[in-house]
């Protein structure tokens, strides 16, 4: 008897919604995911645009580790198209992390 697919939310530091610049490092048994984290800047009032790049200084970086891991899916959909993802009805949300239990 198979058990239904479910999502288990994983609590991680929130990513920068504008430009998280994710990087993936993996081998046969260990996975590292690094990205720019969303840390509020008290000097930013929303009226002055900011450019973010890999060389932007003073950015907080989150590094997540999975050891061991079985598989990783990286890429689309973005936050505008996530409602079309097959796991959306199970609670999949943008800017979040989940473990898929009993994945098909």
PDB file of N, CA and C in Angstrom:
ATOM      1  N   UNK A   1       0.844  -1.163   0.000  1.00  0.00           N
ATOM      2  CA  UNK A   1       0.000   0.000   0.000  1.00  0.00           C
ATOM      3  C   UNK A   1       0.899   1.239   0.000  1.00  0.00           C
ATOM      4  N   UNK A   2       0.707   2.146  -0.943  1.00  0.00           N
ATOM      5  CA  UNK A   2       1.517   3.358  -0.988  1.00  0.00           C
ATOM      6  C   UNK A   2       0.871   4.441  -0.144  1.00  0.00           C
ATOM      7  N   UNK A   3       1.722   5.260   0.416  1.00  0.00           N
ATOM      8  CA  UNK A   3       1.255   6.373   1.226  1.00  0.00           C
ATOM      9  C   UNK A   3       1.226   7.619   0.360  1.00  0.00           C
ATOM     10  N   UNK A   4       0.292   8.492   0.623  1.00  0.00           N
ATOM     11  CA  UNK A   4       0.127   9.708  -0.183  1.00  0.00           C
ATOM     12  C   UNK A   4       1.334  10.630  -0.047  1.00  0.00           C
ATOM     13  N   UNK A   5       1.616  11.310  -1.144  1.00  0.00           N
ATOM     14  CA  UNK A   5       2.672  12.307  -1.163  1.00  0.00           C
ATOM     15  C   UNK A   5       2.300  13.460  -0.233  1.00  0.00           C
ATOM     16  N   UNK A   6       3.249  13.907   0.576  1.00  0.00           N
ATOM     17  CA  UNK A   6       3.010  15.046   1.466  1.00  0.00           C
ATOM     18  C   UNK A   6       4.244  15.938   1.478  1.00  0.00           C
ATOM     19  N   UNK A   7       4.022  17.183   1.877  1.00  0.00           N
ATOM     20  CA  UNK A   7       5.115  18.134   2.002  1.00  0.00           C
ATOM     21  C   UNK A   7       5.403  18.376   3.472  1.00  0.00           C
ATOM     22  N   UNK A   8       6.676  18.317   3.823  1.00  0.00           N
ATOM     23  CA  UNK A   8       7.110  18.629   5.178  1.00  0.00           C
ATOM     24  C   UNK A   8       7.879  19.951   5.098  1.00  0.00           C
ATOM     25  N   UNK A   9       7.307  21.043   5.646  1.00  0.00           N
ATOM     26  CA  UNK A   9       8.016  22.330   5.598  1.00  0.00           C
ATOM     27  C   UNK A   9       9.344  22.243   6.342  1.00  0.00           C
ATOM     28  N   UNK A  10      10.350  22.903   5.801  1.00  0.00           N
ATOM     29  CA  UNK A  10      11.661  22.983   6.428  1.00  0.00           C
ATOM     30  C   UNK A  10      11.896  24.454   6.752  1.00  0.00           C
ATOM     31  N   UNK A  11      12.194  24.746   7.999  1.00  0.00           N
ATOM     32  CA  UNK A  11      12.424  26.130   8.399  1.00  0.00           C
ATOM     33  C   UNK A  11      13.837  26.538   8.004  1.00  0.00           C
ATOM     34  N   UNK A  12      13.929  27.521   7.112  1.00  0.00           N
ATOM     35  CA  UNK A  12      15.218  28.024   6.633  1.00  0.00           C
ATOM     36  C   UNK A  12      15.180  29.550   6.640  1.00  0.00           C
ATOM     37  N   UNK A  13      16.348  30.198   6.653  1.00  0.00           N
ATOM     38  CA  UNK A  13      16.352  31.661   6.555  1.00  0.00           C
ATOM     39  C   UNK A  13      15.697  32.087   5.240  1.00  0.00           C
ATOM     40  N   UNK A  14      14.844  33.114   5.264  1.00  0.00           N
ATOM     41  CA  UNK A  14      14.170  33.543   4.033  1.00  0.00           C
ATOM     42  C   UNK A  14      15.178  34.059   3.016  1.00  0.00           C
ATOM     43  N   UNK A  15      14.928  33.750   1.745  1.00  0.00           N
ATOM     44  CA  UNK A  15      15.824  34.210   0.694  1.00  0.00           C
ATOM     45  C   UNK A  15      15.440  35.608   0.247  1.00  0.00           C
ATOM     46  N   UNK A  16      16.401  36.286  -0.338  1.00  0.00           N
ATOM     47  CA  UNK A  16      16.132  37.581  -0.930  1.00  0.00           C
ATOM     48  C   UNK A  16      15.166  37.360  -2.078  1.00  0.00           C
ATOM     49  N   UNK A  17      14.035  38.071  -2.075  1.00  0.00           N
ATOM     50  CA  UNK A  17      13.048  37.890  -3.136  1.00  0.00           C
ATOM     51  C   UNK A  17      13.510  38.507  -4.443  1.00  0.00           C
ATOM     52  N   UNK A  18      14.342  39.531  -4.363  1.00  0.00           N
ATOM     53  CA  UNK A  18      14.785  40.211  -5.573  1.00  0.00           C
ATOM     54  C   UNK A  18      15.869  39.466  -6.325  1.00  0.00           C
ATOM     55  N   UNK A  19      16.901  39.049  -5.643  1.00  0.00           N
ATOM     56  CA  UNK A  19      18.039  38.391  -6.295  1.00  0.00           C
ATOM     57  C   UNK A  19      18.782  37.521  -5.290  1.00  0.00           C
ATOM     58  N   UNK A  20      18.281  36.309  -5.030  1.00  0.00           N
ATOM     59  CA  UNK A  20      18.949  35.456  -4.040  1.00  0.00           C
ATOM     60  C   UNK A  20      20.263  34.843  -4.525  1.00  0.00           C
ATOM     61  N   UNK A  21      20.515  34.852  -5.838  1.00  0.00           N
ATOM     62  CA  UNK A  21      21.753  34.321  -6.429  1.00  0.00           C
ATOM     63  C   UNK A  21      22.126  32.945  -5.866  1.00  0.00           C
ATOM     64  N   UNK A  22      21.236  31.955  -5.968  1.00  0.00           N
ATOM     65  CA  UNK A  22      21.517  30.649  -5.372  1.00  0.00           C
ATOM     66  C   UNK A  22      22.671  29.935  -6.061  1.00  0.00           C
ATOM     67  N   UNK A  23      23.415  29.174  -5.261  1.00  0.00           N
ATOM     68  CA  UNK A  23      24.498  28.319  -5.757  1.00  0.00           C
ATOM     69  C   UNK A  23      24.296  26.941  -5.140  1.00  0.00           C
ATOM     70  N   UNK A  24      24.474  25.902  -5.961  1.00  0.00           N
ATOM     71  CA  UNK A  24      24.310  24.517  -5.523  1.00  0.00           C
ATOM     72  C   UNK A  24      25.656  23.807  -5.605  1.00  0.00           C
ATOM     73  N   UNK A  25      26.014  23.098  -4.553  1.00  0.00           N
ATOM     74  CA  UNK A  25      27.227  22.286  -4.527  1.00  0.00           C
ATOM     75  C   UNK A  25      26.796  20.897  -4.080  1.00  0.00           C
ATOM     76  N   UNK A  26      27.141  19.874  -4.868  1.00  0.00           N
ATOM     77  CA  UNK A  26      26.675  18.529  -4.534  1.00  0.00           C
ATOM     78  C   UNK A  26      27.675  17.482  -4.997  1.00  0.00           C
ATOM     79  N   UNK A  27      27.697  16.381  -4.272  1.00  0.00           N
ATOM     80  CA  UNK A  27      28.389  15.182  -4.730  1.00  0.00           C
ATOM     81  C   UNK A  27      27.429  14.014  -4.497  1.00  0.00           C
ATOM     82  N   UNK A  28      27.945  12.805  -4.418  1.00  0.00           N
ATOM     83  CA  UNK A  28      27.062  11.635  -4.334  1.00  0.00           C
ATOM     84  C   UNK A  28      26.223  11.578  -3.069  1.00  0.00           C
ATOM     85  N   UNK A  29      26.654  12.249  -1.981  1.00  0.00           N
ATOM     86  CA  UNK A  29      25.908  12.092  -0.747  1.00  0.00           C
ATOM     87  C   UNK A  29      25.647  13.358   0.037  1.00  0.00           C
ATOM     88  N   UNK A  30      26.243  14.480  -0.381  1.00  0.00           N
ATOM     89  CA  UNK A  30      26.090  15.716   0.388  1.00  0.00           C
ATOM     90  C   UNK A  30      25.693  16.859  -0.531  1.00  0.00           C
ATOM     91  N   UNK A  31      24.787  17.700  -0.056  1.00  0.00           N
ATOM     92  CA  UNK A  31      24.261  18.815  -0.824  1.00  0.00           C
ATOM     93  C   UNK A  31      24.405  20.098  -0.008  1.00  0.00           C
ATOM     94  N   UNK A  32      24.933  21.147  -0.643  1.00  0.00           N
ATOM     95  CA  UNK A  32      25.010  22.469  -0.030  1.00  0.00           C
ATOM     96  C   UNK A  32      24.278  23.447  -0.931  1.00  0.00           C
ATOM     97  N   UNK A  33      23.446  24.279  -0.348  1.00  0.00           N
ATOM     98  CA  UNK A  33      22.743  25.322  -1.085  1.00  0.00           C
ATOM     99  C   UNK A  33      23.068  26.637  -0.394  1.00  0.00           C
ATOM    100  N   UNK A  34      23.643  27.571  -1.151  1.00  0.00           N
ATOM    101  CA  UNK A  34      23.976  28.891  -0.620  1.00  0.00           C
ATOM    102  C   UNK A  34      23.154  29.935  -1.362  1.00  0.00           C
ATOM    103  N   UNK A  35      22.674  30.929  -0.642  1.00  0.00           N
ATOM    104  CA  UNK A  35      21.884  31.994  -1.258  1.00  0.00           C
ATOM    105  C   UNK A  35      21.946  33.244  -0.387  1.00  0.00           C
ATOM    106  N   UNK A  36      21.637  34.398  -1.008  1.00  0.00           N
ATOM    107  CA  UNK A  36      21.541  35.641  -0.247  1.00  0.00           C
ATOM    108  C   UNK A  36      20.263  35.603   0.573  1.00  0.00           C
ATOM    109  N   UNK A  37      20.409  35.878   1.851  1.00  0.00           N
ATOM    110  CA  UNK A  37      19.268  35.839   2.756  1.00  0.00           C
ATOM    111  C   UNK A  37      18.612  37.212   2.838  1.00  0.00           C
ATOM    112  N   UNK A  38      17.324  37.206   3.137  1.00  0.00           N
ATOM    113  CA  UNK A  38      16.566  38.442   3.275  1.00  0.00           C
ATOM    114  C   UNK A  38      16.713  38.953   4.703  1.00  0.00           C
ATOM    115  N   UNK A  39      17.606  39.919   4.875  1.00  0.00           N
ATOM    116  CA  UNK A  39      17.800  40.544   6.175  1.00  0.00           C
ATOM    117  C   UNK A  39      17.379  42.004   6.029  1.00  0.00           C
ATOM    118  N   UNK A  40      16.370  42.438   6.764  1.00  0.00           N
ATOM    119  CA  UNK A  40      15.896  43.818   6.619  1.00  0.00           C
ATOM    120  C   UNK A  40      17.009  44.838   6.830  1.00  0.00           C
ATOM    121  N   UNK A  41      17.038  45.850   5.980  1.00  0.00           N
ATOM    122  CA  UNK A  41      17.999  46.940   6.057  1.00  0.00           C
ATOM    123  C   UNK A  41      17.251  48.177   6.537  1.00  0.00           C
ATOM    124  N   UNK A  42      17.548  48.617   7.743  1.00  0.00           N
ATOM    125  CA  UNK A  42      16.806  49.737   8.332  1.00  0.00           C
ATOM    126  C   UNK A  42      17.020  51.044   7.560  1.00  0.00           C
ATOM    127  N   UNK A  43      18.091  51.136   6.754  1.00  0.00           N
ATOM    128  CA  UNK A  43      18.337  52.366   5.998  1.00  0.00           C
ATOM    129  C   UNK A  43      17.568  52.399   4.676  1.00  0.00           C
ATOM    130  N   UNK A  44      16.950  51.282   4.295  1.00  0.00           N
ATOM    131  CA  UNK A  44      16.221  51.228   3.024  1.00  0.00           C
ATOM    132  C   UNK A  44      14.766  51.598   3.259  1.00  0.00           C
ATOM    133  N   UNK A  45      14.316  52.670   2.605  1.00  0.00           N
ATOM    134  CA  UNK A  45      12.940  53.140   2.798  1.00  0.00           C
ATOM    135  C   UNK A  45      12.028  52.793   1.631  1.00  0.00           C
ATOM    136  N   UNK A  46      12.528  52.047   0.653  1.00  0.00           N
ATOM    137  CA  UNK A  46      11.711  51.619  -0.476  1.00  0.00           C
ATOM    138  C   UNK A  46      11.676  52.605  -1.619  1.00  0.00           C
ATOM    139  N   UNK A  47      12.253  53.786  -1.444  1.00  0.00           N
ATOM    140  CA  UNK A  47      12.211  54.793  -2.509  1.00  0.00           C
ATOM    141  C   UNK A  47      13.487  54.839  -3.339  1.00  0.00           C
ATOM    142  N   UNK A  48      14.556  54.241  -2.845  1.00  0.00           N
ATOM    143  CA  UNK A  48      15.808  54.258  -3.590  1.00  0.00           C
ATOM    144  C   UNK A  48      16.146  52.855  -4.079  1.00  0.00           C
ATOM    145  N   UNK A  49      16.072  52.610  -5.404  1.00  0.00           N
ATOM    146  CA  UNK A  49      16.369  51.281  -5.945  1.00  0.00           C
ATOM    147  C   UNK A  49      17.802  50.874  -5.635  1.00  0.00           C
ATOM    148  N   UNK A  50      17.970  49.567  -5.423  1.00  0.00           N
ATOM    149  CA  UNK A  50      19.298  49.027  -5.158  1.00  0.00           C
ATOM    150  C   UNK A  50      19.586  47.912  -6.137  1.00  0.00           C
ATOM    151  N   UNK A  51      20.822  47.833  -6.551  1.00  0.00           N
ATOM    152  CA  UNK A  51      21.255  46.762  -7.436  1.00  0.00           C
ATOM    153  C   UNK A  51      22.020  45.741  -6.609  1.00  0.00           C
ATOM    154  N   UNK A  52      21.719  44.467  -6.814  1.00  0.00           N
ATOM    155  CA  UNK A  52      22.388  43.390  -6.085  1.00  0.00           C
ATOM    156  C   UNK A  52      23.094  42.506  -7.087  1.00  0.00           C
ATOM    157  N   UNK A  53      24.338  42.175  -6.801  1.00  0.00           N
ATOM    158  CA  UNK A  53      25.094  41.264  -7.655  1.00  0.00           C
ATOM    159  C   UNK A  53      25.982  40.401  -6.772  1.00  0.00           C
ATOM    160  N   UNK A  54      26.710  39.497  -7.398  1.00  0.00           N
ATOM    161  CA  UNK A  54      27.596  38.603  -6.645  1.00  0.00           C
ATOM    162  C   UNK A  54      28.691  39.382  -5.927  1.00  0.00           C
ATOM    163  N   UNK A  55      28.980  40.604  -6.346  1.00  0.00           N
ATOM    164  CA  UNK A  55      30.036  41.395  -5.711  1.00  0.00           C
ATOM    165  C   UNK A  55      29.500  42.411  -4.719  1.00  0.00           C
ATOM    166  N   UNK A  56      28.184  42.470  -4.517  1.00  0.00           N
ATOM    167  CA  UNK A  56      27.604  43.412  -3.562  1.00  0.00           C
ATOM    168  C   UNK A  56      28.081  43.051  -2.157  1.00  0.00           C
ATOM    169  N   UNK A  57      28.574  44.049  -1.461  1.00  0.00           N
ATOM    170  CA  UNK A  57      29.096  43.807  -0.113  1.00  0.00           C
ATOM    171  C   UNK A  57      28.012  43.800   0.943  1.00  0.00           C
ATOM    172  N   UNK A  58      28.378  43.348   2.134  1.00  0.00           N
ATOM    173  CA  UNK A  58      27.507  43.371   3.306  1.00  0.00           C
ATOM    174  C   UNK A  58      26.185  42.640   3.109  1.00  0.00           C
ATOM    175  N   UNK A  59      26.190  41.546   2.383  1.00  0.00           N
ATOM    176  CA  UNK A  59      24.987  40.731   2.209  1.00  0.00           C
ATOM    177  C   UNK A  59      25.106  39.498   3.100  1.00  0.00           C
ATOM    178  N   UNK A  60      24.024  39.124   3.757  1.00  0.00           N
ATOM    179  CA  UNK A  60      24.019  37.900   4.557  1.00  0.00           C
ATOM    180  C   UNK A  60      23.792  36.709   3.637  1.00  0.00           C
ATOM    181  N   UNK A  61      24.558  35.657   3.848  1.00  0.00           N
ATOM    182  CA  UNK A  61      24.450  34.444   3.037  1.00  0.00           C
ATOM    183  C   UNK A  61      24.000  33.292   3.932  1.00  0.00           C
ATOM    184  N   UNK A  62      23.005  32.557   3.487  1.00  0.00           N
ATOM    185  CA  UNK A  62      22.568  31.346   4.183  1.00  0.00           C
ATOM    186  C   UNK A  62      23.164  30.149   3.453  1.00  0.00           C
ATOM    187  N   UNK A  63      23.631  29.165   4.194  1.00  0.00           N
ATOM    188  CA  UNK A  63      24.146  27.924   3.604  1.00  0.00           C
ATOM    189  C   UNK A  63      23.409  26.766   4.252  1.00  0.00           C
ATOM    190  N   UNK A  64      22.667  26.011   3.431  1.00  0.00           N
ATOM    191  CA  UNK A  64      21.907  24.859   3.902  1.00  0.00           C
ATOM    192  C   UNK A  64      22.660  23.598   3.537  1.00  0.00           C
ATOM    193  N   UNK A  65      22.621  22.607   4.411  1.00  0.00           N
ATOM    194  CA  UNK A  65      23.302  21.336   4.174  1.00  0.00           C
ATOM    195  C   UNK A  65      22.304  20.197   4.286  1.00  0.00           C
ATOM    196  N   UNK A  66      22.352  19.279   3.332  1.00  0.00           N
ATOM    197  CA  UNK A  66      21.574  18.041   3.409  1.00  0.00           C
ATOM    198  C   UNK A  66      22.573  16.897   3.262  1.00  0.00           C
ATOM    199  N   UNK A  67      22.634  16.045   4.262  1.00  0.00           N
ATOM    200  CA  UNK A  67      23.621  14.966   4.257  1.00  0.00           C
ATOM    201  C   UNK A  67      23.052  13.780   5.028  1.00  0.00           C
ATOM    202  N   UNK A  68      22.612  12.751   4.379  1.00  0.00           N
ATOM    203  CA  UNK A  68      22.616  12.512   2.936  1.00  0.00           C
ATOM    204  C   UNK A  68      21.371  13.114   2.281  1.00  0.00           C
ATOM    205  N   UNK A  69      21.353  13.109   0.971  1.00  0.00           N
ATOM    206  CA  UNK A  69      20.183  13.533   0.207  1.00  0.00           C
ATOM    207  C   UNK A  69      20.003  12.559  -0.946  1.00  0.00           C
ATOM    208  N   UNK A  70      18.798  12.490  -1.453  1.00  0.00           N
ATOM    209  CA  UNK A  70      18.509  11.566  -2.540  1.00  0.00           C
ATOM    210  C   UNK A  70      18.407  12.278  -3.877  1.00  0.00           C
ATOM    211  N   UNK A  71      17.688  13.410  -3.906  1.00  0.00           N
ATOM    212  CA  UNK A  71      17.503  14.134  -5.169  1.00  0.00           C
ATOM    213  C   UNK A  71      17.229  15.597  -4.881  1.00  0.00           C
ATOM    214  N   UNK A  72      17.503  16.428  -5.861  1.00  0.00           N
ATOM    215  CA  UNK A  72      17.244  17.853  -5.784  1.00  0.00           C
ATOM    216  C   UNK A  72      16.621  18.296  -7.091  1.00  0.00           C
ATOM    217  N   UNK A  73      15.580  19.114  -7.011  1.00  0.00           N
ATOM    218  CA  UNK A  73      15.013  19.735  -8.205  1.00  0.00           C
ATOM    219  C   UNK A  73      15.214  21.220  -8.048  1.00  0.00           C
ATOM    220  N   UNK A  74      15.845  21.836  -9.047  1.00  0.00           N
ATOM    221  CA  UNK A  74      16.189  23.250  -8.979  1.00  0.00           C
ATOM    222  C   UNK A  74      15.717  23.925 -10.252  1.00  0.00           C
ATOM    223  N   UNK A  75      14.967  25.002 -10.116  1.00  0.00           N
ATOM    224  CA  UNK A  75      14.527  25.713 -11.306  1.00  0.00           C
ATOM    225  C   UNK A  75      13.072  26.105 -11.217  1.00  0.00           C
ATOM    226  N   UNK A  76      12.423  26.242 -12.387  1.00  0.00           N
ATOM    227  CA  UNK A  76      11.036  26.697 -12.416  1.00  0.00           C
ATOM    228  C   UNK A  76      10.132  25.792 -11.577  1.00  0.00           C
ATOM    229  N   UNK A  77       8.988  26.280 -11.187  1.00  0.00           N
ATOM    230  CA  UNK A  77       8.355  27.526 -11.598  1.00  0.00           C
ATOM    231  C   UNK A  77       8.746  28.682 -10.696  1.00  0.00           C
ATOM    232  N   UNK A  78       8.559  29.907 -11.196  1.00  0.00           N
ATOM    233  CA  UNK A  78       8.785  31.082 -10.363  1.00  0.00           C
ATOM    234  C   UNK A  78       7.521  31.362  -9.543  1.00  0.00           C
ATOM    235  N   UNK A  79       7.554  32.438  -8.775  1.00  0.00           N
ATOM    236  CA  UNK A  79       6.417  32.702  -7.881  1.00  0.00           C
ATOM    237  C   UNK A  79       5.117  33.028  -8.622  1.00  0.00           C
ATOM    238  N   UNK A  80       5.218  33.525  -9.877  1.00  0.00           N
ATOM    239  CA  UNK A  80       3.993  33.816 -10.630  1.00  0.00           C
ATOM    240  C   UNK A  80       3.342  32.552 -11.200  1.00  0.00           C
ATOM    241  N   UNK A  81       4.125  31.506 -11.420  1.00  0.00           N
ATOM    242  CA  UNK A  81       3.601  30.298 -12.069  1.00  0.00           C
ATOM    243  C   UNK A  81       3.494  29.092 -11.133  1.00  0.00           C
ATOM    244  N   UNK A  82       3.806  29.283  -9.868  1.00  0.00           N
ATOM    245  CA  UNK A  82       3.854  28.143  -8.944  1.00  0.00           C
ATOM    246  C   UNK A  82       2.501  27.446  -8.786  1.00  0.00           C
ATOM    247  N   UNK A  83       1.409  28.162  -9.031  1.00  0.00           N
ATOM    248  CA  UNK A  83       0.088  27.542  -8.883  1.00  0.00           C
ATOM    249  C   UNK A  83      -0.129  26.402  -9.882  1.00  0.00           C
ATOM    250  N   UNK A  84       0.693  26.317 -10.934  1.00  0.00           N
ATOM    251  CA  UNK A  84       0.590  25.230 -11.898  1.00  0.00           C
ATOM    252  C   UNK A  84       1.437  24.021 -11.541  1.00  0.00           C
ATOM    253  N   UNK A  85       2.223  24.084 -10.466  1.00  0.00           N
ATOM    254  CA  UNK A  85       3.076  22.959 -10.060  1.00  0.00           C
ATOM    255  C   UNK A  85       2.220  21.852  -9.456  1.00  0.00           C
ATOM    256  N   UNK A  86       2.590  20.618  -9.694  1.00  0.00           N
ATOM    257  CA  UNK A  86       1.795  19.478  -9.215  1.00  0.00           C
ATOM    258  C   UNK A  86       1.697  19.406  -7.690  1.00  0.00           C
ATOM    259  N   UNK A  87       2.643  20.015  -6.957  1.00  0.00           N
ATOM    260  CA  UNK A  87       2.606  19.974  -5.495  1.00  0.00           C
ATOM    261  C   UNK A  87       1.945  21.204  -4.870  1.00  0.00           C
ATOM    262  N   UNK A  88       1.500  22.136  -5.693  1.00  0.00           N
ATOM    263  CA  UNK A  88       0.889  23.363  -5.185  1.00  0.00           C
ATOM    264  C   UNK A  88      -0.333  23.051  -4.307  1.00  0.00           C
ATOM    265  N   UNK A  89      -1.134  22.129  -4.714  1.00  0.00           N
ATOM    266  CA  UNK A  89      -2.326  21.754  -3.953  1.00  0.00           C
ATOM    267  C   UNK A  89      -2.008  21.127  -2.605  1.00  0.00           C
ATOM    268  N   UNK A  90      -0.764  20.677  -2.426  1.00  0.00           N
ATOM    269  CA  UNK A  90      -0.347  20.097  -1.145  1.00  0.00           C
ATOM    270  C   UNK A  90       0.260  21.144  -0.216  1.00  0.00           C
ATOM    271  N   UNK A  91       0.375  22.388  -0.707  1.00  0.00           N
ATOM    272  CA  UNK A  91       0.896  23.459   0.134  1.00  0.00           C
ATOM    273  C   UNK A  91       2.207  24.067  -0.327  1.00  0.00           C
ATOM    274  N   UNK A  92       2.698  23.683  -1.494  1.00  0.00           N
ATOM    275  CA  UNK A  92       3.933  24.252  -2.010  1.00  0.00           C
ATOM    276  C   UNK A  92       3.788  25.760  -2.155  1.00  0.00           C
ATOM    277  N   UNK A  93       4.741  26.520  -1.633  1.00  0.00           N
ATOM    278  CA  UNK A  93       4.715  27.978  -1.671  1.00  0.00           C
ATOM    279  C   UNK A  93       6.069  28.506  -2.145  1.00  0.00           C
ATOM    280  N   UNK A  94       6.073  29.676  -2.802  1.00  0.00           N
ATOM    281  CA  UNK A  94       7.350  30.268  -3.211  1.00  0.00           C
ATOM    282  C   UNK A  94       8.149  30.736  -1.997  1.00  0.00           C
ATOM    283  N   UNK A  95       9.451  30.843  -2.179  1.00  0.00           N
ATOM    284  CA  UNK A  95      10.370  31.321  -1.136  1.00  0.00           C
ATOM    285  C   UNK A  95      10.310  30.467   0.119  1.00  0.00           C
ATOM    286  N   UNK A  96      10.069  29.181  -0.056  1.00  0.00           N
ATOM    287  CA  UNK A  96       9.967  28.246   1.060  1.00  0.00           C
ATOM    288  C   UNK A  96      10.752  26.988   0.725  1.00  0.00           C
ATOM    289  N   UNK A  97      10.957  26.168   1.733  1.00  0.00           N
ATOM    290  CA  UNK A  97      11.670  24.897   1.528  1.00  0.00           C
ATOM    291  C   UNK A  97      10.819  23.765   2.090  1.00  0.00           C
ATOM    292  N   UNK A  98      10.834  22.640   1.369  1.00  0.00           N
ATOM    293  CA  UNK A  98      10.036  21.488   1.770  1.00  0.00           C
ATOM    294  C   UNK A  98      10.789  20.203   1.494  1.00  0.00           C
ATOM    295  N   UNK A  99      10.532  19.207   2.302  1.00  0.00           N
ATOM    296  CA  UNK A  99      10.918  17.829   1.990  1.00  0.00           C
ATOM    297  C   UNK A  99       9.661  17.172   1.447  1.00  0.00           C
ATOM    298  N   UNK A 100       9.788  16.473   0.324  1.00  0.00           N
ATOM    299  CA  UNK A 100       8.648  15.761  -0.239  1.00  0.00           C
ATOM    300  C   UNK A 100       8.700  14.333   0.284  1.00  0.00           C
ATOM    301  N   UNK A 101       7.711  13.969   1.075  1.00  0.00           N
ATOM    302  CA  UNK A 101       7.630  12.619   1.623  1.00  0.00           C
ATOM    303  C   UNK A 101       6.818  11.746   0.680  1.00  0.00           C
ATOM    304  N   UNK A 102       7.272  10.520   0.472  1.00  0.00           N
ATOM    305  CA  UNK A 102       6.601   9.566  -0.420  1.00  0.00           C
ATOM    306  C   UNK A 102       6.469  10.123  -1.828  1.00  0.00           C
ATOM    307  N   UNK A 103       7.519  10.758  -2.300  1.00  0.00           N
ATOM    308  CA  UNK A 103       7.507  11.387  -3.627  1.00  0.00           C
ATOM    309  C   UNK A 103       7.290  10.368  -4.727  1.00  0.00           C
ATOM    310  N   UNK A 104       6.441  10.741  -5.666  1.00  0.00           N
ATOM    311  CA  UNK A 104       6.228   9.863  -6.813  1.00  0.00           C
ATOM    312  C   UNK A 104       7.361  10.018  -7.791  1.00  0.00           C
TER     313      UNK A 104
END
